[in-house]
Amino acid sequence: MTPAAPRALIAEDEPLLAAALQHELRTAWPELQIAATVGDGLSAVQQALALQPDVLFFDIRMPGQTGLDAAVALADAWSAHQPFPALVFVTAYDQYAVQAFEAQAVDYLLKPVQSARLQKTVQKLRLALIQKAQSAINSIANSEPQAPTHTQALEPNLQRTVDQLRHLLAQPGLWPGAEPGAPLAPTPLAAPQRPPRLTVIQASHGSQIHMVPVGDVLYFEAADKYVRVLTASAEYLIRTPLKELVDQLDPQEFWQVHRSTLVRANAIATVVRDELGKLHLNLRGRPERVAVSRLYAHLFKAM
């Protein structure tokens, strides 16, 4: 039986560059089928979930959601036991980004894509797909019937990708938003001093400014152009980006549990795993549950 041809998804917001990558792939990997080409991060996640490709080529710089953000969202939404696609980032040359990718053994291509570099990447991808197929065969052959459970470990490639993405996100200042023309990496100057810790949140509402003690805040959640500030009895909106708040809050007091959420650690009452294996937090003083990204699930392990 002839194995199915591998399928790829390309996420690139510049049509000429997307077409150039497809052209180079036709030469370097003739049997690879391009399942779809999209121009933004949100569409990349949607199409990847719908098409289940074998390989992803994600441009780092895309409107609405960066390639890194899209990869994080996809890893969070992917089925826990479904093999995760091989992931390749595409980026303009940047010393800091390249160092980060190489440190985490993440595949990447530099723009404009060079044939020789693409050939090496294709060789690695082909080998990875062969190993994944063999692993799946061995797993089926050696497995014994088991009752389904949502506490099983993640599929190995998914777990490896989650770990890589978590380390990439930890690089300070390396992954800003996708504003056109924004630098991808910090300038090679001395790092700025950390701002002083916040003690009070100043939240405007109409003609009033509410002075909210940080000690009263149970969690922060990014929502569109605002950040929600939630206490046990009230909710406020502020315009300070969540990534700026992270640097002004004590990391021992506020834990990042999602790219869009910071939670007061001592307000966490229980951690609940749902039927899909995803974690949710019950907080003291709030009725709603707070979702935990797979990237931060490692924070919650029994002592």
C-alpha atoms as a PDB file:
ATOM      1  CA  MET A   1       0.000   0.000   0.000  1.00  0.00           C
ATOM      2  CA  THR A   2       1.459   3.371  -1.053  1.00  0.00           C
ATOM      3  CA  PRO A   3       1.683   5.822   1.856  1.00  0.00           C
ATOM      4  CA  ALA A   4      -0.301   9.012   1.526  1.00  0.00           C
ATOM      5  CA  ALA A   5       1.614  12.015   0.239  1.00  0.00           C
ATOM      6  CA  PRO A   6       2.605  14.449   3.012  1.00  0.00           C
ATOM      7  CA  ARG A   7       0.572  17.650   3.221  1.00  0.00           C
ATOM      8  CA  ALA A   8       1.648  21.123   4.283  1.00  0.00           C
ATOM      9  CA  LEU A   9       0.073  24.404   5.341  1.00  0.00           C
ATOM     10  CA  ILE A  10       1.829  27.698   4.571  1.00  0.00           C
ATOM     11  CA  ALA A  11       1.032  30.798   6.629  1.00  0.00           C
ATOM     12  CA  GLU A  12       2.590  33.873   5.008  1.00  0.00           C
ATOM     13  CA  ASP A  13       1.019  37.309   4.660  1.00  0.00           C
ATOM     14  CA  GLU A  14       3.106  38.352   1.635  1.00  0.00           C
ATOM     15  CA  PRO A  15       1.709  36.589  -1.484  1.00  0.00           C
ATOM     16  CA  LEU A  16       4.954  36.834  -3.444  1.00  0.00           C
ATOM     17  CA  LEU A  17       6.936  35.204  -0.642  1.00  0.00           C
ATOM     18  CA  ALA A  18       4.289  32.504  -0.216  1.00  0.00           C
ATOM     19  CA  ALA A  19       4.447  31.773  -3.945  1.00  0.00           C
ATOM     20  CA  ALA A  20       8.248  31.686  -3.840  1.00  0.00           C
ATOM     21  CA  LEU A  21       8.215  29.182  -0.978  1.00  0.00           C
ATOM     22  CA  GLN A  22       5.738  26.980  -2.845  1.00  0.00           C
ATOM     23  CA  HIS A  23       7.953  27.104  -5.937  1.00  0.00           C
ATOM     24  CA  GLU A  24      11.041  26.093  -3.973  1.00  0.00           C
ATOM     25  CA  LEU A  25       9.128  23.293  -2.236  1.00  0.00           C
ATOM     26  CA  ARG A  26       7.983  21.857  -5.576  1.00  0.00           C
ATOM     27  CA  THR A  27      11.635  21.412  -6.478  1.00  0.00           C
ATOM     28  CA  ALA A  28      12.952  20.302  -3.092  1.00  0.00           C
ATOM     29  CA  TRP A  29      10.017  18.063  -2.163  1.00  0.00           C
ATOM     30  CA  PRO A  30       7.939  17.174  -5.247  1.00  0.00           C
ATOM     31  CA  GLU A  31       5.585  14.785  -3.465  1.00  0.00           C
ATOM     32  CA  LEU A  32       4.617  17.360  -0.810  1.00  0.00           C
ATOM     33  CA  GLN A  33       1.079  18.638  -1.304  1.00  0.00           C
ATOM     34  CA  ILE A  34       0.268  22.208  -0.249  1.00  0.00           C
ATOM     35  CA  ALA A  35      -3.095  21.764   1.489  1.00  0.00           C
ATOM     36  CA  ALA A  36      -3.650  25.506   1.907  1.00  0.00           C
ATOM     37  CA  THR A  37      -1.943  28.892   1.997  1.00  0.00           C
ATOM     38  CA  VAL A  38      -3.227  31.553   4.409  1.00  0.00           C
ATOM     39  CA  GLY A  39      -2.189  35.103   5.170  1.00  0.00           C
ATOM     40  CA  ASP A  40      -2.717  35.536   8.917  1.00  0.00           C
ATOM     41  CA  GLY A  41      -2.236  33.701  12.183  1.00  0.00           C
ATOM     42  CA  LEU A  42      -5.911  33.203  13.038  1.00  0.00           C
ATOM     43  CA  SER A  43      -6.591  31.553   9.672  1.00  0.00           C
ATOM     44  CA  ALA A  44      -3.479  29.435  10.113  1.00  0.00           C
ATOM     45  CA  VAL A  45      -4.835  27.960  13.335  1.00  0.00           C
ATOM     46  CA  GLN A  46      -8.301  27.386  11.888  1.00  0.00           C
ATOM     47  CA  GLN A  47      -7.010  25.718   8.728  1.00  0.00           C
ATOM     48  CA  ALA A  48      -4.465  23.589  10.582  1.00  0.00           C
ATOM     49  CA  LEU A  49      -7.184  22.232  12.876  1.00  0.00           C
ATOM     50  CA  ALA A  50      -9.483  21.573   9.905  1.00  0.00           C
ATOM     51  CA  LEU A  51      -6.928  20.064   7.519  1.00  0.00           C
ATOM     52  CA  GLN A  52      -4.588  18.272   9.966  1.00  0.00           C
ATOM     53  CA  PRO A  53      -1.478  18.734   7.773  1.00  0.00           C
ATOM     54  CA  ASP A  54       1.830  16.960   8.351  1.00  0.00           C
ATOM     55  CA  VAL A  55       3.988  20.088   8.091  1.00  0.00           C
ATOM     56  CA  LEU A  56       3.476  23.756   9.017  1.00  0.00           C
ATOM     57  CA  PHE A  57       5.427  26.693   7.587  1.00  0.00           C
ATOM     58  CA  PHE A  58       4.576  29.694   9.800  1.00  0.00           C
ATOM     59  CA  ASP A  59       5.879  33.176   9.059  1.00  0.00           C
ATOM     60  CA  ILE A  60       6.840  34.866  12.319  1.00  0.00           C
ATOM     61  CA  ARG A  61       5.575  38.283  11.277  1.00  0.00           C
ATOM     62  CA  MET A  62       1.860  38.197  10.356  1.00  0.00           C
ATOM     63  CA  PRO A  63      -1.035  40.597  10.965  1.00  0.00           C
ATOM     64  CA  GLY A  64      -3.378  39.986  13.870  1.00  0.00           C
ATOM     65  CA  GLN A  65      -1.441  37.100  15.361  1.00  0.00           C
ATOM     66  CA  THR A  66       2.262  36.329  14.991  1.00  0.00           C
ATOM     67  CA  GLY A  67       3.459  32.955  13.806  1.00  0.00           C
ATOM     68  CA  LEU A  68       4.615  32.197  17.323  1.00  0.00           C
ATOM     69  CA  ASP A  69       1.221  33.158  18.756  1.00  0.00           C
ATOM     70  CA  ALA A  70      -0.489  30.981  16.137  1.00  0.00           C
ATOM     71  CA  ALA A  71       1.738  28.023  17.013  1.00  0.00           C
ATOM     72  CA  VAL A  72       0.927  28.450  20.708  1.00  0.00           C
ATOM     73  CA  ALA A  73      -2.822  28.646  20.008  1.00  0.00           C
ATOM     74  CA  LEU A  74      -2.647  25.586  17.768  1.00  0.00           C
ATOM     75  CA  ALA A  75      -0.702  23.542  20.310  1.00  0.00           C
ATOM     76  CA  ASP A  76      -3.325  24.471  22.898  1.00  0.00           C
ATOM     77  CA  ALA A  77      -6.253  23.447  20.695  1.00  0.00           C
ATOM     78  CA  TRP A  78      -4.705  20.295  19.211  1.00  0.00           C
ATOM     79  CA  SER A  79      -5.996  16.884  20.282  1.00  0.00           C
ATOM     80  CA  ALA A  80      -3.791  15.565  23.085  1.00  0.00           C
ATOM     81  CA  HIS A  81      -3.116  12.212  21.416  1.00  0.00           C
ATOM     82  CA  GLN A  82      -3.066  13.257  17.745  1.00  0.00           C
ATOM     83  CA  PRO A  83       0.444  13.537  16.230  1.00  0.00           C
ATOM     84  CA  PHE A  84       1.333  17.219  16.007  1.00  0.00           C
ATOM     85  CA  PRO A  85       2.627  18.530  12.651  1.00  0.00           C
ATOM     86  CA  ALA A  86       6.284  19.288  12.106  1.00  0.00           C
ATOM     87  CA  LEU A  87       6.669  23.033  12.628  1.00  0.00           C
ATOM     88  CA  VAL A  88       8.983  25.328  10.644  1.00  0.00           C
ATOM     89  CA  PHE A  89       9.174  29.069  11.321  1.00  0.00           C
ATOM     90  CA  VAL A  90       9.977  31.458   8.469  1.00  0.00           C
ATOM     91  CA  THR A  91      11.612  34.743   9.415  1.00  0.00           C
ATOM     92  CA  ALA A  92      13.738  37.600   8.162  1.00  0.00           C
ATOM     93  CA  TYR A  93      17.293  37.342   9.437  1.00  0.00           C
ATOM     94  CA  ASP A  94      17.602  38.316  13.046  1.00  0.00           C
ATOM     95  CA  GLN A  95      20.494  37.331  15.295  1.00  0.00           C
ATOM     96  CA  TYR A  96      18.381  37.001  18.430  1.00  0.00           C
ATOM     97  CA  ALA A  97      15.599  34.992  16.791  1.00  0.00           C
ATOM     98  CA  VAL A  98      18.066  32.637  15.109  1.00  0.00           C
ATOM     99  CA  GLN A  99      19.882  32.061  18.401  1.00  0.00           C
ATOM    100  CA  ALA A 100      16.566  31.339  20.131  1.00  0.00           C
ATOM    101  CA  PHE A 101      15.477  28.880  17.438  1.00  0.00           C
ATOM    102  CA  GLU A 102      18.798  27.058  17.443  1.00  0.00           C
ATOM    103  CA  ALA A 103      18.923  26.871  21.230  1.00  0.00           C
ATOM    104  CA  GLN A 104      15.551  25.097  21.237  1.00  0.00           C
ATOM    105  CA  ALA A 105      16.290  22.972  18.124  1.00  0.00           C
ATOM    106  CA  VAL A 106      13.368  24.627  16.328  1.00  0.00           C
ATOM    107  CA  ASP A 107      13.375  24.372  12.530  1.00  0.00           C
ATOM    108  CA  TYR A 108      13.441  27.728  10.743  1.00  0.00           C
ATOM    109  CA  LEU A 109      13.968  29.226   7.291  1.00  0.00           C
ATOM    110  CA  LEU A 110      15.334  32.676   6.568  1.00  0.00           C
ATOM    111  CA  LYS A 111      13.832  35.033   4.008  1.00  0.00           C
ATOM    112  CA  PRO A 112      14.404  34.974   1.144  1.00  0.00           C
ATOM    113  CA  VAL A 113      14.342  31.178   1.261  1.00  0.00           C
ATOM    114  CA  GLN A 114      17.538  29.669  -0.143  1.00  0.00           C
ATOM    115  CA  SER A 115      17.438  26.335  -2.001  1.00  0.00           C
ATOM    116  CA  ALA A 116      20.368  24.801  -0.116  1.00  0.00           C
ATOM    117  CA  ARG A 117      18.922  25.648   3.296  1.00  0.00           C
ATOM    118  CA  LEU A 118      15.478  24.399   2.257  1.00  0.00           C
ATOM    119  CA  GLN A 119      16.977  21.091   1.099  1.00  0.00           C
ATOM    120  CA  LYS A 120      18.452  20.537   4.566  1.00  0.00           C
ATOM    121  CA  THR A 121      15.127  21.384   6.203  1.00  0.00           C
ATOM    122  CA  VAL A 122      13.259  19.032   3.866  1.00  0.00           C
ATOM    123  CA  GLN A 123      15.655  16.197   4.710  1.00  0.00           C
ATOM    124  CA  LYS A 124      14.979  16.726   8.420  1.00  0.00           C
ATOM    125  CA  LEU A 125      11.220  16.896   7.844  1.00  0.00           C
ATOM    126  CA  ARG A 126      11.184  13.714   5.750  1.00  0.00           C
ATOM    127  CA  LEU A 127      13.124  11.859   8.424  1.00  0.00           C
ATOM    128  CA  ALA A 128      10.810  13.179  11.132  1.00  0.00           C
ATOM    129  CA  LEU A 129       7.720  12.024   9.217  1.00  0.00           C
ATOM    130  CA  ILE A 130       9.217   8.561   8.661  1.00  0.00           C
ATOM    131  CA  GLN A 131      10.025   8.253  12.360  1.00  0.00           C
ATOM    132  CA  LYS A 132       6.549   9.462  13.309  1.00  0.00           C
ATOM    133  CA  ALA A 133       4.902   6.909  11.023  1.00  0.00           C
ATOM    134  CA  GLN A 134       7.077   4.104  12.383  1.00  0.00           C
ATOM    135  CA  SER A 135       6.343   5.168  15.955  1.00  0.00           C
ATOM    136  CA  ALA A 136       2.611   5.084  15.236  1.00  0.00           C
ATOM    137  CA  ILE A 137       2.892   1.577  13.769  1.00  0.00           C
ATOM    138  CA  ASN A 138       4.879   0.330  16.759  1.00  0.00           C
ATOM    139  CA  SER A 139       2.429   1.930  19.168  1.00  0.00           C
ATOM    140  CA  ILE A 140      -0.502   0.168  17.536  1.00  0.00           C
ATOM    141  CA  ALA A 141       1.326  -3.157  17.390  1.00  0.00           C
ATOM    142  CA  ASN A 142       2.450  -3.057  21.029  1.00  0.00           C
ATOM    143  CA  SER A 143      -0.541  -1.413  22.654  1.00  0.00           C
ATOM    144  CA  GLU A 144      -2.973  -3.247  24.869  1.00  0.00           C
ATOM    145  CA  PRO A 145      -6.631  -2.289  25.155  1.00  0.00           C
ATOM    146  CA  GLN A 146      -7.037   0.434  27.787  1.00  0.00           C
ATOM    147  CA  ALA A 147      -9.958   2.327  29.150  1.00  0.00           C
ATOM    148  CA  PRO A 148      -9.850   5.858  27.752  1.00  0.00           C
ATOM    149  CA  THR A 149      -8.511   8.455  30.148  1.00  0.00           C
ATOM    150  CA  HIS A 150      -7.913  12.162  29.948  1.00  0.00           C
ATOM    151  CA  THR A 151      -4.876  12.025  32.266  1.00  0.00           C
ATOM    152  CA  GLN A 152      -2.544  10.349  29.762  1.00  0.00           C
ATOM    153  CA  ALA A 153       0.538  12.246  28.601  1.00  0.00           C
ATOM    154  CA  LEU A 154       0.484  14.384  25.488  1.00  0.00           C
ATOM    155  CA  GLU A 155       1.547  12.913  22.153  1.00  0.00           C
ATOM    156  CA  PRO A 156       5.387  13.112  22.124  1.00  0.00           C
ATOM    157  CA  ASN A 157       5.769  15.611  19.273  1.00  0.00           C
ATOM    158  CA  LEU A 158       3.039  17.798  20.769  1.00  0.00           C
ATOM    159  CA  GLN A 159       4.763  17.716  24.158  1.00  0.00           C
ATOM    160  CA  ARG A 160       8.110  18.545  22.555  1.00  0.00           C
ATOM    161  CA  THR A 161       6.565  21.456  20.641  1.00  0.00           C
ATOM    162  CA  VAL A 162       4.873  22.781  23.798  1.00  0.00           C
ATOM    163  CA  ASP A 163       8.218  22.700  25.630  1.00  0.00           C
ATOM    164  CA  GLN A 164      10.005  24.467  22.762  1.00  0.00           C
ATOM    165  CA  LEU A 165       7.367  27.178  22.501  1.00  0.00           C
ATOM    166  CA  ARG A 166       7.408  27.780  26.250  1.00  0.00           C
ATOM    167  CA  HIS A 167      11.176  28.369  26.150  1.00  0.00           C
ATOM    168  CA  LEU A 168      10.881  30.641  23.107  1.00  0.00           C
ATOM    169  CA  LEU A 169       8.239  32.749  24.841  1.00  0.00           C
ATOM    170  CA  ALA A 170      10.524  33.100  27.856  1.00  0.00           C
ATOM    171  CA  GLN A 171      13.058  35.102  25.814  1.00  0.00           C
ATOM    172  CA  PRO A 172      12.559  38.654  27.185  1.00  0.00           C
ATOM    173  CA  GLY A 173      11.567  41.227  24.595  1.00  0.00           C
ATOM    174  CA  LEU A 174      12.115  38.878  21.662  1.00  0.00           C
ATOM    175  CA  TRP A 175       8.544  38.448  20.492  1.00  0.00           C
ATOM    176  CA  PRO A 176       6.664  41.756  20.289  1.00  0.00           C
ATOM    177  CA  GLY A 177       3.304  42.154  18.633  1.00  0.00           C
ATOM    178  CA  ALA A 178       2.883  42.087  14.881  1.00  0.00           C
ATOM    179  CA  GLU A 179       2.800  45.820  14.271  1.00  0.00           C
ATOM    180  CA  PRO A 180       4.167  46.605  10.801  1.00  0.00           C
ATOM    181  CA  GLY A 181       7.780  47.658  10.992  1.00  0.00           C
ATOM    182  CA  ALA A 182       8.243  46.700  14.630  1.00  0.00           C
ATOM    183  CA  PRO A 183      11.687  45.161  15.280  1.00  0.00           C
ATOM    184  CA  LEU A 184      11.611  41.443  15.967  1.00  0.00           C
ATOM    185  CA  ALA A 185      14.363  41.559  18.548  1.00  0.00           C
ATOM    186  CA  PRO A 186      15.696  44.052  21.070  1.00  0.00           C
ATOM    187  CA  THR A 187      18.621  46.243  20.133  1.00  0.00           C
ATOM    188  CA  PRO A 188      21.967  44.942  21.441  1.00  0.00           C
ATOM    189  CA  LEU A 189      22.149  47.510  24.209  1.00  0.00           C
ATOM    190  CA  ALA A 190      22.102  47.069  27.946  1.00  0.00           C
ATOM    191  CA  ALA A 191      18.763  45.726  29.096  1.00  0.00           C
ATOM    192  CA  PRO A 192      16.575  48.411  30.685  1.00  0.00           C
ATOM    193  CA  GLN A 193      16.052  48.274  34.410  1.00  0.00           C
ATOM    194  CA  ARG A 194      12.952  46.454  35.571  1.00  0.00           C
ATOM    195  CA  PRO A 195      10.192  48.939  36.433  1.00  0.00           C
ATOM    196  CA  PRO A 196       9.150  49.186  40.090  1.00  0.00           C
ATOM    197  CA  ARG A 197       6.518  46.777  41.332  1.00  0.00           C
ATOM    198  CA  LEU A 198       2.945  47.940  40.988  1.00  0.00           C
ATOM    199  CA  THR A 199       1.046  48.449  44.217  1.00  0.00           C
ATOM    200  CA  VAL A 200      -2.057  50.168  42.822  1.00  0.00           C
ATOM    201  CA  ILE A 201      -3.923  49.780  39.526  1.00  0.00           C
ATOM    202  CA  GLN A 202      -5.403  53.060  38.251  1.00  0.00           C
ATOM    203  CA  ALA A 203      -8.487  52.171  36.212  1.00  0.00           C
ATOM    204  CA  SER A 204     -10.494  54.954  34.608  1.00  0.00           C
ATOM    205  CA  HIS A 205     -14.269  54.743  34.267  1.00  0.00           C
ATOM    206  CA  GLY A 206     -16.040  57.756  32.809  1.00  0.00           C
ATOM    207  CA  SER A 207     -14.891  60.789  34.750  1.00  0.00           C
ATOM    208  CA  GLN A 208     -13.547  58.696  37.657  1.00  0.00           C
ATOM    209  CA  ILE A 209     -10.283  56.884  38.284  1.00  0.00           C
ATOM    210  CA  HIS A 210     -10.588  53.837  40.530  1.00  0.00           C
ATOM    211  CA  MET A 211      -7.540  53.151  42.681  1.00  0.00           C
ATOM    212  CA  VAL A 212      -7.440  49.329  42.900  1.00  0.00           C
ATOM    213  CA  PRO A 213      -4.856  47.816  45.280  1.00  0.00           C
ATOM    214  CA  VAL A 214      -2.896  45.073  43.556  1.00  0.00           C
ATOM    215  CA  GLY A 215      -3.463  43.020  46.688  1.00  0.00           C
ATOM    216  CA  ASP A 216      -7.181  42.906  45.828  1.00  0.00           C
ATOM    217  CA  VAL A 217      -6.668  41.653  42.269  1.00  0.00           C
ATOM    218  CA  LEU A 218      -7.367  37.970  41.672  1.00  0.00           C
ATOM    219  CA  TYR A 219      -6.449  37.872  38.001  1.00  0.00           C
ATOM    220  CA  PHE A 220      -5.714  39.897  34.880  1.00  0.00           C
ATOM    221  CA  GLU A 221      -7.030  38.883  31.469  1.00  0.00           C
ATOM    222  CA  ALA A 222      -6.200  40.435  28.100  1.00  0.00           C
ATOM    223  CA  ALA A 223      -9.324  41.165  26.039  1.00  0.00           C
ATOM    224  CA  ASP A 224      -8.975  42.909  22.668  1.00  0.00           C
ATOM    225  CA  LYS A 225      -7.459  46.357  23.301  1.00  0.00           C
ATOM    226  CA  TYR A 226      -7.958  46.210  27.054  1.00  0.00           C
ATOM    227  CA  VAL A 227      -6.921  44.152  30.051  1.00  0.00           C
ATOM    228  CA  ARG A 228      -9.624  43.069  32.483  1.00  0.00           C
ATOM    229  CA  VAL A 229      -8.727  43.529  36.147  1.00  0.00           C
ATOM    230  CA  LEU A 230     -10.834  41.269  38.349  1.00  0.00           C
ATOM    231  CA  THR A 231     -11.221  41.397  42.103  1.00  0.00           C
ATOM    232  CA  ALA A 232     -13.597  39.375  44.247  1.00  0.00           C
ATOM    233  CA  SER A 233     -16.325  41.990  43.892  1.00  0.00           C
ATOM    234  CA  ALA A 234     -15.627  44.057  40.772  1.00  0.00           C
ATOM    235  CA  GLU A 235     -14.146  44.243  37.284  1.00  0.00           C
ATOM    236  CA  TYR A 236     -12.154  47.102  35.769  1.00  0.00           C
ATOM    237  CA  LEU A 237     -10.616  47.767  32.363  1.00  0.00           C
ATOM    238  CA  ILE A 238      -7.170  49.216  31.739  1.00  0.00           C
ATOM    239  CA  ARG A 239      -5.198  49.886  28.555  1.00  0.00           C
ATOM    240  CA  THR A 240      -1.789  48.761  29.815  1.00  0.00           C
ATOM    241  CA  PRO A 241      -0.798  45.668  27.772  1.00  0.00           C
ATOM    242  CA  LEU A 242      -0.501  42.424  29.693  1.00  0.00           C
ATOM    243  CA  LYS A 243       3.138  42.004  28.651  1.00  0.00           C
ATOM    244  CA  GLU A 244       3.926  45.319  30.407  1.00  0.00           C
ATOM    245  CA  LEU A 245       2.059  44.256  33.545  1.00  0.00           C
ATOM    246  CA  VAL A 246       4.100  41.053  33.719  1.00  0.00           C
ATOM    247  CA  ASP A 247       7.278  43.078  34.297  1.00  0.00           C
ATOM    248  CA  GLN A 248       5.627  45.167  37.021  1.00  0.00           C
ATOM    249  CA  LEU A 249       4.153  42.332  39.075  1.00  0.00           C
ATOM    250  CA  ASP A 250       5.868  39.902  41.430  1.00  0.00           C
ATOM    251  CA  PRO A 251       6.156  36.560  39.563  1.00  0.00           C
ATOM    252  CA  GLN A 252       5.836  34.724  42.871  1.00  0.00           C
ATOM    253  CA  GLU A 253       2.461  36.373  43.470  1.00  0.00           C
ATOM    254  CA  PHE A 254       1.061  36.350  39.932  1.00  0.00           C
ATOM    255  CA  TRP A 255       1.519  33.311  37.722  1.00  0.00           C
ATOM    256  CA  GLN A 256       1.100  33.412  33.976  1.00  0.00           C
ATOM    257  CA  VAL A 257      -1.214  30.488  33.161  1.00  0.00           C
ATOM    258  CA  HIS A 258      -2.077  31.545  29.610  1.00  0.00           C
ATOM    259  CA  ARG A 259      -0.683  34.047  27.131  1.00  0.00           C
ATOM    260  CA  SER A 260      -3.651  36.252  28.024  1.00  0.00           C
ATOM    261  CA  THR A 261      -3.988  35.547  31.763  1.00  0.00           C
ATOM    262  CA  LEU A 262      -2.124  36.285  34.985  1.00  0.00           C
ATOM    263  CA  VAL A 263      -3.532  34.734  38.177  1.00  0.00           C
ATOM    264  CA  ARG A 264      -2.814  35.439  41.834  1.00  0.00           C
ATOM    265  CA  ALA A 265      -1.234  32.180  42.983  1.00  0.00           C
ATOM    266  CA  ASN A 266      -2.685  32.160  46.499  1.00  0.00           C
ATOM    267  CA  ALA A 267      -6.186  32.739  45.097  1.00  0.00           C
ATOM    268  CA  ILE A 268      -6.149  29.365  43.324  1.00  0.00           C
ATOM    269  CA  ALA A 269      -8.407  26.988  45.225  1.00  0.00           C
ATOM    270  CA  THR A 270      -8.397  23.912  42.973  1.00  0.00           C
ATOM    271  CA  VAL A 271      -7.103  22.780  39.579  1.00  0.00           C
ATOM    272  CA  VAL A 272      -9.564  20.747  37.510  1.00  0.00           C
ATOM    273  CA  ARG A 273      -8.845  18.617  34.450  1.00  0.00           C
ATOM    274  CA  ASP A 274     -11.697  18.353  31.955  1.00  0.00           C
ATOM    275  CA  GLU A 275     -12.646  15.434  29.685  1.00  0.00           C
ATOM    276  CA  LEU A 276     -10.195  16.663  27.024  1.00  0.00           C
ATOM    277  CA  GLY A 277      -7.334  16.731  29.502  1.00  0.00           C
ATOM    278  CA  LYS A 278      -7.148  20.534  29.741  1.00  0.00           C
ATOM    279  CA  LEU A 279      -6.702  22.313  33.062  1.00  0.00           C
ATOM    280  CA  HIS A 280      -8.967  24.943  34.587  1.00  0.00           C
ATOM    281  CA  LEU A 281      -8.585  26.920  37.818  1.00  0.00           C
ATOM    282  CA  ASN A 282     -11.200  27.582  40.454  1.00  0.00           C
ATOM    283  CA  LEU A 283     -10.359  30.810  42.272  1.00  0.00           C
ATOM    284  CA  ARG A 284     -11.366  31.878  45.737  1.00  0.00           C
ATOM    285  CA  GLY A 285     -13.767  34.791  45.359  1.00  0.00           C
ATOM    286  CA  ARG A 286     -14.681  34.288  41.665  1.00  0.00           C
ATOM    287  CA  PRO A 287     -17.416  32.025  40.242  1.00  0.00           C
ATOM    288  CA  GLU A 288     -15.878  31.466  36.775  1.00  0.00           C
ATOM    289  CA  ARG A 289     -13.133  29.030  35.885  1.00  0.00           C
ATOM    290  CA  VAL A 290      -9.866  30.219  34.364  1.00  0.00           C
ATOM    291  CA  ALA A 291      -8.341  28.175  31.530  1.00  0.00           C
ATOM    292  CA  VAL A 292      -4.704  27.040  31.715  1.00  0.00           C
ATOM    293  CA  SER A 293      -2.676  26.832  28.507  1.00  0.00           C
ATOM    294  CA  ARG A 294      -0.724  23.640  27.863  1.00  0.00           C
ATOM    295  CA  LEU A 295       2.408  25.760  27.907  1.00  0.00           C
ATOM    296  CA  TYR A 296       1.850  26.466  31.599  1.00  0.00           C
ATOM    297  CA  ALA A 297       0.343  23.146  32.709  1.00  0.00           C
ATOM    298  CA  HIS A 298       3.724  22.155  34.147  1.00  0.00           C
ATOM    299  CA  LEU A 299       3.111  24.651  36.971  1.00  0.00           C
ATOM    300  CA  PHE A 300       0.429  22.420  38.438  1.00  0.00           C
ATOM    301  CA  LYS A 301       1.781  19.125  39.714  1.00  0.00           C
ATOM    302  CA  ALA A 302       1.007  17.431  43.005  1.00  0.00           C
ATOM    303  CA  MET A 303       3.744  17.834  45.627  1.00  0.00           C
END
